[in-house]
Amino acid sequence: MKLVIVTAVEEFQKDVLKLFKKANIENFSSSDIDGHKSAPSLLSTSSWFPAVSGGNESALFFSFTDESRIDGLFNLIKEFNSNLETYNPIKAVVVPIEKFI
């Protein structure tokens, strides 16, 4: 069993849900989060208060699941990201679980 964590901008939330379903990951949790990039953009440097930056509405998903399902999910995410027109890829990491109850 491993822990898979996936983050995506809010726009891709429904897509991530579809990817989880295609990968047969049926049990997972999600949370709304704010994503931040530290690189200054033209928009933030031209604002009245450039030191204040707002986050991008994003979503975080996580699931404790089998490695075989995670491999399938990663393949689906790679395929999804290869067809993006923006630079906001879905990101995923896997964390090994040493003990669980």
PDB file of N, CA and C in Angstrom:
ATOM      1  N   MET A   1       0.843  -1.176   0.000  1.00  0.00           N
ATOM      2  CA  MET A   1       0.000   0.000   0.000  1.00  0.00           C
ATOM      3  C   MET A   1       0.885   1.235   0.000  1.00  0.00           C
ATOM      4  N   LYS A   2       0.464   2.241  -0.783  1.00  0.00           N
ATOM      5  CA  LYS A   2       1.189   3.503  -0.871  1.00  0.00           C
ATOM      6  C   LYS A   2       0.201   4.653  -0.833  1.00  0.00           C
ATOM      7  N   LEU A   3       0.736   5.829  -0.579  1.00  0.00           N
ATOM      8  CA  LEU A   3      -0.061   7.047  -0.570  1.00  0.00           C
ATOM      9  C   LEU A   3       0.249   7.820  -1.844  1.00  0.00           C
ATOM     10  N   VAL A   4      -0.766   8.104  -2.639  1.00  0.00           N
ATOM     11  CA  VAL A   4      -0.591   8.924  -3.831  1.00  0.00           C
ATOM     12  C   VAL A   4      -1.245  10.279  -3.552  1.00  0.00           C
ATOM     13  N   ILE A   5      -0.519  11.346  -3.875  1.00  0.00           N
ATOM     14  CA  ILE A   5      -1.011  12.711  -3.689  1.00  0.00           C
ATOM     15  C   ILE A   5      -1.006  13.386  -5.053  1.00  0.00           C
ATOM     16  N   VAL A   6      -2.133  13.982  -5.408  1.00  0.00           N
ATOM     17  CA  VAL A   6      -2.283  14.632  -6.706  1.00  0.00           C
ATOM     18  C   VAL A   6      -2.752  16.062  -6.490  1.00  0.00           C
ATOM     19  N   THR A   7      -2.127  16.999  -7.198  1.00  0.00           N
ATOM     20  CA  THR A   7      -2.573  18.389  -7.154  1.00  0.00           C
ATOM     21  C   THR A   7      -2.871  18.868  -8.566  1.00  0.00           C
ATOM     22  N   ALA A   8      -3.861  19.747  -8.664  1.00  0.00           N
ATOM     23  CA  ALA A   8      -4.251  20.296  -9.962  1.00  0.00           C
ATOM     24  C   ALA A   8      -4.950  21.630  -9.755  1.00  0.00           C
ATOM     25  N   VAL A   9      -4.884  22.481 -10.767  1.00  0.00           N
ATOM     26  CA  VAL A   9      -5.658  23.712 -10.703  1.00  0.00           C
ATOM     27  C   VAL A   9      -7.135  23.346 -10.750  1.00  0.00           C
ATOM     28  N   GLU A  10      -7.952  24.227 -10.198  1.00  0.00           N
ATOM     29  CA  GLU A  10      -9.390  23.957 -10.072  1.00  0.00           C
ATOM     30  C   GLU A  10     -10.037  23.564 -11.408  1.00  0.00           C
ATOM     31  N   GLU A  11      -9.550  24.144 -12.484  1.00  0.00           N
ATOM     32  CA  GLU A  11     -10.090  23.880 -13.816  1.00  0.00           C
ATOM     33  C   GLU A  11     -10.030  22.387 -14.178  1.00  0.00           C
ATOM     34  N   PHE A  12      -9.050  21.661 -13.629  1.00  0.00           N
ATOM     35  CA  PHE A  12      -8.869  20.245 -13.960  1.00  0.00           C
ATOM     36  C   PHE A  12      -9.442  19.294 -12.918  1.00  0.00           C
ATOM     37  N   GLN A  13     -10.197  19.805 -11.961  1.00  0.00           N
ATOM     38  CA  GLN A  13     -10.717  18.963 -10.885  1.00  0.00           C
ATOM     39  C   GLN A  13     -11.554  17.801 -11.428  1.00  0.00           C
ATOM     40  N   LYS A  14     -12.465  18.070 -12.345  1.00  0.00           N
ATOM     41  CA  LYS A  14     -13.299  17.003 -12.920  1.00  0.00           C
ATOM     42  C   LYS A  14     -12.459  16.018 -13.711  1.00  0.00           C
ATOM     43  N   ASP A  15     -11.411  16.505 -14.367  1.00  0.00           N
ATOM     44  CA  ASP A  15     -10.524  15.618 -15.116  1.00  0.00           C
ATOM     45  C   ASP A  15      -9.795  14.660 -14.181  1.00  0.00           C
ATOM     46  N   VAL A  16      -9.339  15.167 -13.030  1.00  0.00           N
ATOM     47  CA  VAL A  16      -8.647  14.311 -12.061  1.00  0.00           C
ATOM     48  C   VAL A  16      -9.602  13.227 -11.558  1.00  0.00           C
ATOM     49  N   LEU A  17     -10.841  13.590 -11.290  1.00  0.00           N
ATOM     50  CA  LEU A  17     -11.825  12.595 -10.843  1.00  0.00           C
ATOM     51  C   LEU A  17     -12.004  11.496 -11.887  1.00  0.00           C
ATOM     52  N   LYS A  18     -12.023  11.876 -13.154  1.00  0.00           N
ATOM     53  CA  LYS A  18     -12.139  10.884 -14.238  1.00  0.00           C
ATOM     54  C   LYS A  18     -10.907   9.991 -14.289  1.00  0.00           C
ATOM     55  N   LEU A  19      -9.723  10.585 -14.080  1.00  0.00           N
ATOM     56  CA  LEU A  19      -8.485   9.805 -14.109  1.00  0.00           C
ATOM     57  C   LEU A  19      -8.450   8.802 -12.956  1.00  0.00           C
ATOM     58  N   PHE A  20      -8.895   9.217 -11.779  1.00  0.00           N
ATOM     59  CA  PHE A  20      -8.961   8.295 -10.643  1.00  0.00           C
ATOM     60  C   PHE A  20      -9.905   7.127 -10.970  1.00  0.00           C
ATOM     61  N   LYS A  21     -11.035   7.437 -11.574  1.00  0.00           N
ATOM     62  CA  LYS A  21     -11.998   6.390 -11.911  1.00  0.00           C
ATOM     63  C   LYS A  21     -11.407   5.423 -12.941  1.00  0.00           C
ATOM     64  N   LYS A  22     -10.747   5.951 -13.978  1.00  0.00           N
ATOM     65  CA  LYS A  22     -10.127   5.099 -15.010  1.00  0.00           C
ATOM     66  C   LYS A  22      -9.035   4.213 -14.413  1.00  0.00           C
ATOM     67  N   ALA A  23      -8.354   4.703 -13.370  1.00  0.00           N
ATOM     68  CA  ALA A  23      -7.278   3.943 -12.725  1.00  0.00           C
ATOM     69  C   ALA A  23      -7.815   2.997 -11.651  1.00  0.00           C
ATOM     70  N   ASN A  24      -9.138   2.925 -11.517  1.00  0.00           N
ATOM     71  CA  ASN A  24      -9.791   2.073 -10.517  1.00  0.00           C
ATOM     72  C   ASN A  24      -9.429   2.444  -9.085  1.00  0.00           C
ATOM     73  N   ILE A  25      -9.200   3.740  -8.861  1.00  0.00           N
ATOM     74  CA  ILE A  25      -8.981   4.241  -7.501  1.00  0.00           C
ATOM     75  C   ILE A  25     -10.306   4.850  -7.068  1.00  0.00           C
ATOM     76  N   GLU A  26     -11.039   4.082  -6.275  1.00  0.00           N
ATOM     77  CA  GLU A  26     -12.400   4.490  -5.908  1.00  0.00           C
ATOM     78  C   GLU A  26     -12.477   5.175  -4.553  1.00  0.00           C
ATOM     79  N   ASN A  27     -11.500   4.946  -3.701  1.00  0.00           N
ATOM     80  CA  ASN A  27     -11.496   5.552  -2.371  1.00  0.00           C
ATOM     81  C   ASN A  27     -10.393   6.593  -2.294  1.00  0.00           C
ATOM     82  N   PHE A  28     -10.793   7.836  -2.127  1.00  0.00           N
ATOM     83  CA  PHE A  28      -9.826   8.914  -2.038  1.00  0.00           C
ATOM     84  C   PHE A  28     -10.458  10.095  -1.307  1.00  0.00           C
ATOM     85  N   SER A  29      -9.626  11.035  -0.947  1.00  0.00           N
ATOM     86  CA  SER A  29     -10.087  12.259  -0.299  1.00  0.00           C
ATOM     87  C   SER A  29      -9.618  13.441  -1.128  1.00  0.00           C
ATOM     88  N   SER A  30     -10.305  14.577  -0.947  1.00  0.00           N
ATOM     89  CA  SER A  30      -9.900  15.776  -1.672  1.00  0.00           C
ATOM     90  C   SER A  30     -10.095  16.996  -0.790  1.00  0.00           C
ATOM     91  N   SER A  31      -9.411  18.052  -1.170  1.00  0.00           N
ATOM     92  CA  SER A  31      -9.500  19.302  -0.431  1.00  0.00           C
ATOM     93  C   SER A  31      -9.192  20.457  -1.374  1.00  0.00           C
ATOM     94  N   ASP A  32      -9.863  21.576  -1.178  1.00  0.00           N
ATOM     95  CA  ASP A  32      -9.551  22.786  -1.928  1.00  0.00           C
ATOM     96  C   ASP A  32      -8.325  23.432  -1.291  1.00  0.00           C
ATOM     97  N   ILE A  33      -7.400  23.865  -2.131  1.00  0.00           N
ATOM     98  CA  ILE A  33      -6.180  24.506  -1.652  1.00  0.00           C
ATOM     99  C   ILE A  33      -5.882  25.724  -2.523  1.00  0.00           C
ATOM    100  N   ASP A  34      -4.963  26.562  -2.076  1.00  0.00           N
ATOM    101  CA  ASP A  34      -4.456  27.665  -2.879  1.00  0.00           C
ATOM    102  C   ASP A  34      -3.046  27.305  -3.314  1.00  0.00           C
ATOM    103  N   GLY A  35      -2.814  27.317  -4.624  1.00  0.00           N
ATOM    104  CA  GLY A  35      -1.486  27.052  -5.155  1.00  0.00           C
ATOM    105  C   GLY A  35      -0.744  28.362  -5.367  1.00  0.00           C
ATOM    106  N   HIS A  36       0.555  28.356  -5.112  1.00  0.00           N
ATOM    107  CA  HIS A  36       1.363  29.580  -5.248  1.00  0.00           C
ATOM    108  C   HIS A  36       2.606  29.287  -6.061  1.00  0.00           C
ATOM    109  N   LYS A  37       3.023  30.263  -6.842  1.00  0.00           N
ATOM    110  CA  LYS A  37       4.302  30.213  -7.551  1.00  0.00           C
ATOM    111  C   LYS A  37       5.111  31.397  -7.071  1.00  0.00           C
ATOM    112  N   SER A  38       6.381  31.188  -6.796  1.00  0.00           N
ATOM    113  CA  SER A  38       7.199  32.278  -6.264  1.00  0.00           C
ATOM    114  C   SER A  38       7.790  33.150  -7.363  1.00  0.00           C
ATOM    115  N   ALA A  39       7.757  32.715  -8.610  1.00  0.00           N
ATOM    116  CA  ALA A  39       8.289  33.531  -9.704  1.00  0.00           C
ATOM    117  C   ALA A  39       7.360  34.706  -9.967  1.00  0.00           C
ATOM    118  N   PRO A  40       7.894  35.921 -10.014  1.00  0.00           N
ATOM    119  CA  PRO A  40       7.027  37.079 -10.245  1.00  0.00           C
ATOM    120  C   PRO A  40       6.465  37.070 -11.661  1.00  0.00           C
ATOM    121  N   SER A  41       5.214  37.412 -11.770  1.00  0.00           N
ATOM    122  CA  SER A  41       4.598  37.503 -13.085  1.00  0.00           C
ATOM    123  C   SER A  41       4.370  38.965 -13.412  1.00  0.00           C
ATOM    124  N   LEU A  42       4.104  39.247 -14.655  1.00  0.00           N
ATOM    125  CA  LEU A  42       3.833  40.615 -15.084  1.00  0.00           C
ATOM    126  C   LEU A  42       2.644  41.177 -14.335  1.00  0.00           C
ATOM    127  N   LEU A  43       1.635  40.342 -14.094  1.00  0.00           N
ATOM    128  CA  LEU A  43       0.433  40.789 -13.398  1.00  0.00           C
ATOM    129  C   LEU A  43       0.746  41.204 -11.963  1.00  0.00           C
ATOM    130  N   SER A  44       1.522  40.400 -11.245  1.00  0.00           N
ATOM    131  CA  SER A  44       1.791  40.739  -9.847  1.00  0.00           C
ATOM    132  C   SER A  44       2.720  41.935  -9.715  1.00  0.00           C
ATOM    133  N   THR A  45       3.653  42.127 -10.639  1.00  0.00           N
ATOM    134  CA  THR A  45       4.567  43.267 -10.537  1.00  0.00           C
ATOM    135  C   THR A  45       3.887  44.564 -10.931  1.00  0.00           C
ATOM    136  N   SER A  46       2.775  44.467 -11.644  1.00  0.00           N
ATOM    137  CA  SER A  46       2.084  45.684 -12.050  1.00  0.00           C
ATOM    138  C   SER A  46       0.930  46.035 -11.115  1.00  0.00           C
ATOM    139  N   SER A  47       0.722  45.239 -10.064  1.00  0.00           N
ATOM    140  CA  SER A  47      -0.385  45.510  -9.158  1.00  0.00           C
ATOM    141  C   SER A  47      -0.012  46.648  -8.203  1.00  0.00           C
ATOM    142  N   TRP A  48      -1.019  47.191  -7.531  1.00  0.00           N
ATOM    143  CA  TRP A  48      -0.801  48.261  -6.578  1.00  0.00           C
ATOM    144  C   TRP A  48       0.017  47.776  -5.375  1.00  0.00           C
ATOM    145  N   PHE A  49      -0.176  46.526  -5.010  1.00  0.00           N
ATOM    146  CA  PHE A  49       0.507  45.960  -3.848  1.00  0.00           C
ATOM    147  C   PHE A  49       1.261  44.701  -4.277  1.00  0.00           C
ATOM    148  N   PRO A  50       2.402  44.832  -4.958  1.00  0.00           N
ATOM    149  CA  PRO A  50       3.094  43.664  -5.505  1.00  0.00           C
ATOM    150  C   PRO A  50       3.587  42.670  -4.454  1.00  0.00           C
ATOM    151  N   ALA A  51       3.745  43.103  -3.190  1.00  0.00           N
ATOM    152  CA  ALA A  51       4.199  42.175  -2.147  1.00  0.00           C
ATOM    153  C   ALA A  51       3.087  41.217  -1.744  1.00  0.00           C
ATOM    154  N   VAL A  52       1.836  41.571  -2.061  1.00  0.00           N
ATOM    155  CA  VAL A  52       0.699  40.728  -1.720  1.00  0.00           C
ATOM    156  C   VAL A  52       0.353  39.892  -2.933  1.00  0.00           C
ATOM    157  N   SER A  53       0.435  38.589  -2.775  1.00  0.00           N
ATOM    158  CA  SER A  53       0.091  37.736  -3.916  1.00  0.00           C
ATOM    159  C   SER A  53      -1.005  36.768  -3.512  1.00  0.00           C
ATOM    160  N   GLY A  54      -1.961  36.621  -4.378  1.00  0.00           N
ATOM    161  CA  GLY A  54      -3.033  35.673  -4.136  1.00  0.00           C
ATOM    162  C   GLY A  54      -2.673  34.334  -4.749  1.00  0.00           C
ATOM    163  N   GLY A  55      -3.267  33.289  -4.236  1.00  0.00           N
ATOM    164  CA  GLY A  55      -3.000  31.961  -4.765  1.00  0.00           C
ATOM    165  C   GLY A  55      -3.970  31.610  -5.874  1.00  0.00           C
ATOM    166  N   ASN A  56      -3.637  30.556  -6.580  1.00  0.00           N
ATOM    167  CA  ASN A  56      -4.525  30.010  -7.599  1.00  0.00           C
ATOM    168  C   ASN A  56      -5.393  28.953  -6.941  1.00  0.00           C
ATOM    169  N   GLU A  57      -6.679  28.985  -7.237  1.00  0.00           N
ATOM    170  CA  GLU A  57      -7.560  27.975  -6.669  1.00  0.00           C
ATOM    171  C   GLU A  57      -7.188  26.624  -7.261  1.00  0.00           C
ATOM    172  N   SER A  58      -6.900  25.687  -6.382  1.00  0.00           N
ATOM    173  CA  SER A  58      -6.429  24.368  -6.777  1.00  0.00           C
ATOM    174  C   SER A  58      -7.119  23.300  -5.945  1.00  0.00           C
ATOM    175  N   ALA A  59      -6.832  22.056  -6.270  1.00  0.00           N
ATOM    176  CA  ALA A  59      -7.399  20.937  -5.527  1.00  0.00           C
ATOM    177  C   ALA A  59      -6.293  19.932  -5.223  1.00  0.00           C
ATOM    178  N   LEU A  60      -6.398  19.297  -4.066  1.00  0.00           N
ATOM    179  CA  LEU A  60      -5.471  18.256  -3.652  1.00  0.00           C
ATOM    180  C   LEU A  60      -6.284  16.984  -3.443  1.00  0.00           C
ATOM    181  N   PHE A  61      -5.804  15.894  -3.987  1.00  0.00           N
ATOM    182  CA  PHE A  61      -6.442  14.584  -3.847  1.00  0.00           C
ATOM    183  C   PHE A  61      -5.419  13.633  -3.255  1.00  0.00           C
ATOM    184  N   PHE A  62      -5.869  12.715  -2.400  1.00  0.00           N
ATOM    185  CA  PHE A  62      -4.950  11.686  -1.927  1.00  0.00           C
ATOM    186  C   PHE A  62      -5.693  10.387  -1.682  1.00  0.00           C
ATOM    187  N   SER A  63      -4.943   9.298  -1.837  1.00  0.00           N
ATOM    188  CA  SER A  63      -5.529   7.974  -1.666  1.00  0.00           C
ATOM    189  C   SER A  63      -4.464   6.995  -1.191  1.00  0.00           C
ATOM    190  N   PHE A  64      -4.854   6.120  -0.276  1.00  0.00           N
ATOM    191  CA  PHE A  64      -4.028   4.987   0.120  1.00  0.00           C
ATOM    192  C   PHE A  64      -4.473   3.835  -0.764  1.00  0.00           C
ATOM    193  N   THR A  65      -3.598   3.376  -1.638  1.00  0.00           N
ATOM    194  CA  THR A  65      -4.014   2.367  -2.608  1.00  0.00           C
ATOM    195  C   THR A  65      -2.840   1.491  -3.037  1.00  0.00           C
ATOM    196  N   ASP A  66      -3.130   0.506  -3.871  1.00  0.00           N
ATOM    197  CA  ASP A  66      -2.125  -0.436  -4.355  1.00  0.00           C
ATOM    198  C   ASP A  66      -1.237   0.202  -5.418  1.00  0.00           C
ATOM    199  N   GLU A  67       0.009  -0.254  -5.470  1.00  0.00           N
ATOM    200  CA  GLU A  67       0.981   0.291  -6.418  1.00  0.00           C
ATOM    201  C   GLU A  67       0.531   0.104  -7.868  1.00  0.00           C
ATOM    202  N   SER A  68      -0.123  -1.001  -8.176  1.00  0.00           N
ATOM    203  CA  SER A  68      -0.547  -1.253  -9.555  1.00  0.00           C
ATOM    204  C   SER A  68      -1.556  -0.207 -10.031  1.00  0.00           C
ATOM    205  N   ARG A  69      -2.425   0.232  -9.148  1.00  0.00           N
ATOM    206  CA  ARG A  69      -3.388   1.276  -9.517  1.00  0.00           C
ATOM    207  C   ARG A  69      -2.690   2.624  -9.677  1.00  0.00           C
ATOM    208  N   ILE A  70      -1.683   2.861  -8.856  1.00  0.00           N
ATOM    209  CA  ILE A  70      -0.934   4.117  -8.950  1.00  0.00           C
ATOM    210  C   ILE A  70      -0.182   4.181 -10.279  1.00  0.00           C
ATOM    211  N   ASP A  71       0.398   3.067 -10.702  1.00  0.00           N
ATOM    212  CA  ASP A  71       1.092   3.033 -11.996  1.00  0.00           C
ATOM    213  C   ASP A  71       0.133   3.408 -13.120  1.00  0.00           C
ATOM    214  N   GLY A  72      -1.072   2.871 -13.078  1.00  0.00           N
ATOM    215  CA  GLY A  72      -2.076   3.208 -14.083  1.00  0.00           C
ATOM    216  C   GLY A  72      -2.445   4.681 -14.037  1.00  0.00           C
ATOM    217  N   LEU A  73      -2.597   5.225 -12.826  1.00  0.00           N
ATOM    218  CA  LEU A  73      -2.926   6.639 -12.674  1.00  0.00           C
ATOM    219  C   LEU A  73      -1.808   7.516 -13.233  1.00  0.00           C
ATOM    220  N   PHE A  74      -0.558   7.174 -12.952  1.00  0.00           N
ATOM    221  CA  PHE A  74       0.560   7.964 -13.459  1.00  0.00           C
ATOM    222  C   PHE A  74       0.586   7.958 -14.986  1.00  0.00           C
ATOM    223  N   ASN A  75       0.314   6.827 -15.590  1.00  0.00           N
ATOM    224  CA  ASN A  75       0.272   6.762 -17.055  1.00  0.00           C
ATOM    225  C   ASN A  75      -0.828   7.663 -17.604  1.00  0.00           C
ATOM    226  N   LEU A  76      -1.979   7.660 -16.955  1.00  0.00           N
ATOM    227  CA  LEU A  76      -3.089   8.508 -17.392  1.00  0.00           C
ATOM    228  C   LEU A  76      -2.761   9.992 -17.209  1.00  0.00           C
ATOM    229  N   ILE A  77      -2.104  10.332 -16.115  1.00  0.00           N
ATOM    230  CA  ILE A  77      -1.720  11.730 -15.869  1.00  0.00           C
ATOM    231  C   ILE A  77      -0.693  12.185 -16.907  1.00  0.00           C
ATOM    232  N   LYS A  78       0.298  11.333 -17.211  1.00  0.00           N
ATOM    233  CA  LYS A  78       1.298  11.687 -18.228  1.00  0.00           C
ATOM    234  C   LYS A  78       0.623  11.960 -19.568  1.00  0.00           C
ATOM    235  N   GLU A  79      -0.324  11.116 -19.929  1.00  0.00           N
ATOM    236  CA  GLU A  79      -1.048  11.296 -21.192  1.00  0.00           C
ATOM    237  C   GLU A  79      -1.844  12.604 -21.164  1.00  0.00           C
ATOM    238  N   PHE A  80      -2.537  12.867 -20.062  1.00  0.00           N
ATOM    239  CA  PHE A  80      -3.315  14.098 -19.923  1.00  0.00           C
ATOM    240  C   PHE A  80      -2.409  15.323 -20.051  1.00  0.00           C
ATOM    241  N   ASN A  81      -1.290  15.326 -19.333  1.00  0.00           N
ATOM    242  CA  ASN A  81      -0.384  16.468 -19.345  1.00  0.00           C
ATOM    243  C   ASN A  81       0.255  16.701 -20.714  1.00  0.00           C
ATOM    244  N   SER A  82       0.434  15.641 -21.481  1.00  0.00           N
ATOM    245  CA  SER A  82       1.059  15.797 -22.799  1.00  0.00           C
ATOM    246  C   SER A  82       0.158  16.539 -23.779  1.00  0.00           C
ATOM    247  N   ASN A  83      -1.130  16.663 -23.470  1.00  0.00           N
ATOM    248  CA  ASN A  83      -2.075  17.326 -24.360  1.00  0.00           C
ATOM    249  C   ASN A  83      -2.512  18.703 -23.850  1.00  0.00           C
ATOM    250  N   LEU A  84      -1.810  19.236 -22.861  1.00  0.00           N
ATOM    251  CA  LEU A  84      -2.196  20.525 -22.283  1.00  0.00           C
ATOM    252  C   LEU A  84      -1.771  21.689 -23.164  1.00  0.00           C
ATOM    253  N   GLU A  85      -2.605  22.711 -23.182  1.00  0.00           N
ATOM    254  CA  GLU A  85      -2.275  23.942 -23.892  1.00  0.00           C
ATOM    255  C   GLU A  85      -1.740  25.007 -22.937  1.00  0.00           C
ATOM    256  N   THR A  86      -1.846  24.774 -21.638  1.00  0.00           N
ATOM    257  CA  THR A  86      -1.355  25.710 -20.633  1.00  0.00           C
ATOM    258  C   THR A  86      -0.224  25.057 -19.857  1.00  0.00           C
ATOM    259  N   TYR A  87       0.460  25.846 -19.043  1.00  0.00           N
ATOM    260  CA  TYR A  87       1.511  25.263 -18.212  1.00  0.00           C
ATOM    261  C   TYR A  87       1.024  25.116 -16.776  1.00  0.00           C
ATOM    262  N   ASN A  88       0.002  24.304 -16.626  1.00  0.00           N
ATOM    263  CA  ASN A  88      -0.526  23.959 -15.309  1.00  0.00           C
ATOM    264  C   ASN A  88      -0.752  22.455 -15.255  1.00  0.00           C
ATOM    265  N   PRO A  89       0.318  21.671 -15.336  1.00  0.00           N
ATOM    266  CA  PRO A  89       0.132  20.222 -15.376  1.00  0.00           C
ATOM    267  C   PRO A  89      -0.414  19.678 -14.060  1.00  0.00           C
ATOM    268  N   ILE A  90      -1.088  18.557 -14.169  1.00  0.00           N
ATOM    269  CA  ILE A  90      -1.469  17.811 -12.970  1.00  0.00           C
ATOM    270  C   ILE A  90      -0.175  17.228 -12.413  1.00  0.00           C
ATOM    271  N   LYS A  91       0.025  17.339 -11.114  1.00  0.00           N
ATOM    272  CA  LYS A  91       1.231  16.812 -10.487  1.00  0.00           C
ATOM    273  C   LYS A  91       0.851  15.714  -9.509  1.00  0.00           C
ATOM    274  N   ALA A  92       1.721  14.713  -9.395  1.00  0.00           N
ATOM    275  CA  ALA A  92       1.450  13.595  -8.504  1.00  0.00           C
ATOM    276  C   ALA A  92       2.754  13.096  -7.882  1.00  0.00           C
ATOM    277  N   VAL A  93       2.654  12.625  -6.649  1.00  0.00           N
ATOM    278  CA  VAL A  93       3.783  12.013  -5.951  1.00  0.00           C
ATOM    279  C   VAL A  93       3.277  10.760  -5.243  1.00  0.00           C
ATOM    280  N   VAL A  94       4.200   9.855  -4.982  1.00  0.00           N
ATOM    281  CA  VAL A  94       3.880   8.637  -4.250  1.00  0.00           C
ATOM    282  C   VAL A  94       4.751   8.585  -3.005  1.00  0.00           C
ATOM    283  N   VAL A  95       4.112   8.248  -1.882  1.00  0.00           N
ATOM    284  CA  VAL A  95       4.807   8.141  -0.610  1.00  0.00           C
ATOM    285  C   VAL A  95       4.633   6.712  -0.090  1.00  0.00           C
ATOM    286  N   PRO A  96       5.736   6.015   0.197  1.00  0.00           N
ATOM    287  CA  PRO A  96       5.587   4.661   0.737  1.00  0.00           C
ATOM    288  C   PRO A  96       5.017   4.695   2.158  1.00  0.00           C
ATOM    289  N   ILE A  97       4.255   3.699   2.484  1.00  0.00           N
ATOM    290  CA  ILE A  97       3.658   3.577   3.813  1.00  0.00           C
ATOM    291  C   ILE A  97       4.367   2.427   4.539  1.00  0.00           C
ATOM    292  N   GLU A  98       4.999   2.739   5.655  1.00  0.00           N
ATOM    293  CA  GLU A  98       5.710   1.709   6.407  1.00  0.00           C
ATOM    294  C   GLU A  98       4.775   0.909   7.314  1.00  0.00           C
ATOM    295  N   LYS A  99       3.826   1.590   7.933  1.00  0.00           N
ATOM    296  CA  LYS A  99       2.877   0.926   8.827  1.00  0.00           C
ATOM    297  C   LYS A  99       1.518   1.554   8.630  1.00  0.00           C
ATOM    298  N   PHE A 100       0.499   0.754   8.827  1.00  0.00           N
ATOM    299  CA  PHE A 100      -0.854   1.297   8.819  1.00  0.00           C
ATOM    300  C   PHE A 100      -1.783   0.398   9.615  1.00  0.00           C
ATOM    301  N   ILE A 101      -2.870   0.955  10.070  1.00  0.00           N
ATOM    302  CA  ILE A 101      -3.871   0.198  10.840  1.00  0.00           C
ATOM    303  C   ILE A 101      -5.184   0.274  10.099  1.00  0.00           C
TER     304      ILE A 101
END
